[in-house]
Amino acid sequence: MNHYANKKSAAESMLDIALLLANASQLKAVIEQGPGFAFFIPLVVLISISLMLQIGVGVLLIFLELFQVPFTVFQGIGVFSIKRIL
């Protein structure tokens, strides 16, 4: 892998971590406001879903890297499912 790709990958990883920490911070702030806040439940639900999806994608990417699953397998599945929906 070349130097540019390594830097790009590291920068993307840092942005992913920053987003995860920002969502965790937002969830903490909403919980500290308490249930009296007007949008308490929707915010907790949406931020929690966002956190779970971020963690899920991270675990999936680690799994794909560990087992060297080619990305083209998933591209074919995605194209098929999109064509099927349309």
C-alpha atoms as a PDB file:
ATOM      1  CA  MET A   1       0.000   0.000   0.000  1.00  0.00           C
ATOM      2  CA  ASN A   2       1.327   3.441  -0.777  1.00  0.00           C
ATOM      3  CA  HIS A   3       1.941   6.291   1.628  1.00  0.00           C
ATOM      4  CA  TYR A   4      -1.121   8.295   0.536  1.00  0.00           C
ATOM      5  CA  ALA A   5      -3.479   5.357   1.106  1.00  0.00           C
ATOM      6  CA  ASN A   6      -2.044   4.782   4.587  1.00  0.00           C
ATOM      7  CA  LYS A   7      -2.559   8.422   5.545  1.00  0.00           C
ATOM      8  CA  LYS A   8      -6.078   8.432   4.112  1.00  0.00           C
ATOM      9  CA  SER A   9      -6.979   5.280   6.015  1.00  0.00           C
ATOM     10  CA  ALA A  10      -5.595   6.681   9.273  1.00  0.00           C
ATOM     11  CA  ALA A  11      -7.485   9.957   8.794  1.00  0.00           C
ATOM     12  CA  GLU A  12     -10.756   8.116   8.123  1.00  0.00           C
ATOM     13  CA  SER A  13     -10.233   5.999  11.236  1.00  0.00           C
ATOM     14  CA  MET A  14      -9.664   9.095  13.355  1.00  0.00           C
ATOM     15  CA  LEU A  15     -12.846  10.679  11.960  1.00  0.00           C
ATOM     16  CA  ASP A  16     -14.806   7.514  12.754  1.00  0.00           C
ATOM     17  CA  ILE A  17     -13.534   7.546  16.326  1.00  0.00           C
ATOM     18  CA  ALA A  18     -14.327  11.251  16.649  1.00  0.00           C
ATOM     19  CA  LEU A  19     -17.900  10.642  15.459  1.00  0.00           C
ATOM     20  CA  LEU A  20     -18.311   7.754  17.900  1.00  0.00           C
ATOM     21  CA  LEU A  21     -17.059   9.892  20.796  1.00  0.00           C
ATOM     22  CA  ALA A  22     -19.260  12.819  19.761  1.00  0.00           C
ATOM     23  CA  ASN A  23     -22.334  10.585  19.729  1.00  0.00           C
ATOM     24  CA  ALA A  24     -21.430   9.152  23.132  1.00  0.00           C
ATOM     25  CA  SER A  25     -21.009  12.679  24.480  1.00  0.00           C
ATOM     26  CA  GLN A  26     -24.376  13.728  23.051  1.00  0.00           C
ATOM     27  CA  LEU A  27     -26.054  10.700  24.602  1.00  0.00           C
ATOM     28  CA  LYS A  28     -24.495  11.523  27.973  1.00  0.00           C
ATOM     29  CA  ALA A  29     -25.712  15.141  27.734  1.00  0.00           C
ATOM     30  CA  VAL A  30     -29.255  14.074  26.838  1.00  0.00           C
ATOM     31  CA  ILE A  31     -29.371  11.571  29.708  1.00  0.00           C
ATOM     32  CA  GLU A  32     -28.110  14.248  32.116  1.00  0.00           C
ATOM     33  CA  GLN A  33     -31.006  16.509  31.019  1.00  0.00           C
ATOM     34  CA  GLY A  34     -33.386  13.840  32.226  1.00  0.00           C
ATOM     35  CA  PRO A  35     -36.792  12.658  31.068  1.00  0.00           C
ATOM     36  CA  GLY A  36     -38.265  16.124  31.594  1.00  0.00           C
ATOM     37  CA  PHE A  37     -36.626  17.258  28.359  1.00  0.00           C
ATOM     38  CA  ALA A  38     -39.191  17.525  25.507  1.00  0.00           C
ATOM     39  CA  PHE A  39     -37.381  15.237  23.049  1.00  0.00           C
ATOM     40  CA  PHE A  40     -35.724  12.932  25.563  1.00  0.00           C
ATOM     41  CA  ILE A  41     -36.937   9.558  24.280  1.00  0.00           C
ATOM     42  CA  PRO A  42     -36.516  10.249  20.525  1.00  0.00           C
ATOM     43  CA  LEU A  43     -33.002  11.600  21.078  1.00  0.00           C
ATOM     44  CA  VAL A  44     -31.940   8.674  23.236  1.00  0.00           C
ATOM     45  CA  VAL A  45     -33.343   6.211  20.697  1.00  0.00           C
ATOM     46  CA  LEU A  46     -31.772   7.898  17.650  1.00  0.00           C
ATOM     47  CA  ILE A  47     -28.366   8.430  19.247  1.00  0.00           C
ATOM     48  CA  SER A  48     -28.375   4.845  20.539  1.00  0.00           C
ATOM     49  CA  ILE A  49     -29.209   3.527  17.060  1.00  0.00           C
ATOM     50  CA  SER A  50     -26.388   5.616  15.617  1.00  0.00           C
ATOM     51  CA  LEU A  51     -23.929   4.248  18.171  1.00  0.00           C
ATOM     52  CA  MET A  52     -25.020   0.659  17.581  1.00  0.00           C
ATOM     53  CA  LEU A  53     -24.679   1.047  13.800  1.00  0.00           C
ATOM     54  CA  GLN A  54     -21.217   2.590  14.145  1.00  0.00           C
ATOM     55  CA  ILE A  55     -20.061  -0.236  16.405  1.00  0.00           C
ATOM     56  CA  GLY A  56     -21.638  -2.820  14.103  1.00  0.00           C
ATOM     57  CA  VAL A  57     -19.899  -1.414  11.031  1.00  0.00           C
ATOM     58  CA  GLY A  58     -16.601  -1.324  12.917  1.00  0.00           C
ATOM     59  CA  VAL A  59     -16.936  -4.969  13.943  1.00  0.00           C
ATOM     60  CA  LEU A  60     -17.934  -5.936  10.396  1.00  0.00           C
ATOM     61  CA  LEU A  61     -14.914  -4.151   8.929  1.00  0.00           C
ATOM     62  CA  ILE A  62     -12.608  -5.888  11.394  1.00  0.00           C
ATOM     63  CA  PHE A  63     -14.211  -9.237  10.508  1.00  0.00           C
ATOM     64  CA  LEU A  64     -13.790  -8.587   6.778  1.00  0.00           C
ATOM     65  CA  GLU A  65     -10.146  -7.638   7.244  1.00  0.00           C
ATOM     66  CA  LEU A  66      -9.324 -10.622   9.460  1.00  0.00           C
ATOM     67  CA  PHE A  67     -10.844 -13.164   7.106  1.00  0.00           C
ATOM     68  CA  GLN A  68      -9.798 -11.356   3.900  1.00  0.00           C
ATOM     69  CA  VAL A  69     -13.305 -11.380   2.410  1.00  0.00           C
ATOM     70  CA  PRO A  70     -13.173  -9.713  -1.012  1.00  0.00           C
ATOM     71  CA  PHE A  71     -15.322  -6.588  -1.226  1.00  0.00           C
ATOM     72  CA  THR A  72     -16.594  -7.554  -4.676  1.00  0.00           C
ATOM     73  CA  VAL A  73     -18.707 -10.296  -3.077  1.00  0.00           C
ATOM     74  CA  PHE A  74     -20.673  -7.651  -1.196  1.00  0.00           C
ATOM     75  CA  GLN A  75     -20.874  -5.325  -4.192  1.00  0.00           C
ATOM     76  CA  GLY A  76     -22.593  -8.065  -6.171  1.00  0.00           C
ATOM     77  CA  ILE A  77     -25.082  -8.694  -3.372  1.00  0.00           C
ATOM     78  CA  GLY A  78     -25.799  -4.970  -3.023  1.00  0.00           C
ATOM     79  CA  VAL A  79     -26.372  -4.476  -6.735  1.00  0.00           C
ATOM     80  CA  PHE A  80     -28.658  -7.499  -6.849  1.00  0.00           C
ATOM     81  CA  SER A  81     -30.761  -6.330  -3.905  1.00  0.00           C
ATOM     82  CA  ILE A  82     -31.063  -2.783  -5.277  1.00  0.00           C
ATOM     83  CA  LYS A  83     -32.165  -4.072  -8.685  1.00  0.00           C
ATOM     84  CA  ARG A  84     -34.632  -6.399  -7.010  1.00  0.00           C
ATOM     85  CA  ILE A  85     -36.202  -3.530  -5.020  1.00  0.00           C
ATOM     86  CA  LEU A  86     -36.543  -1.314  -8.091  1.00  0.00           C
END
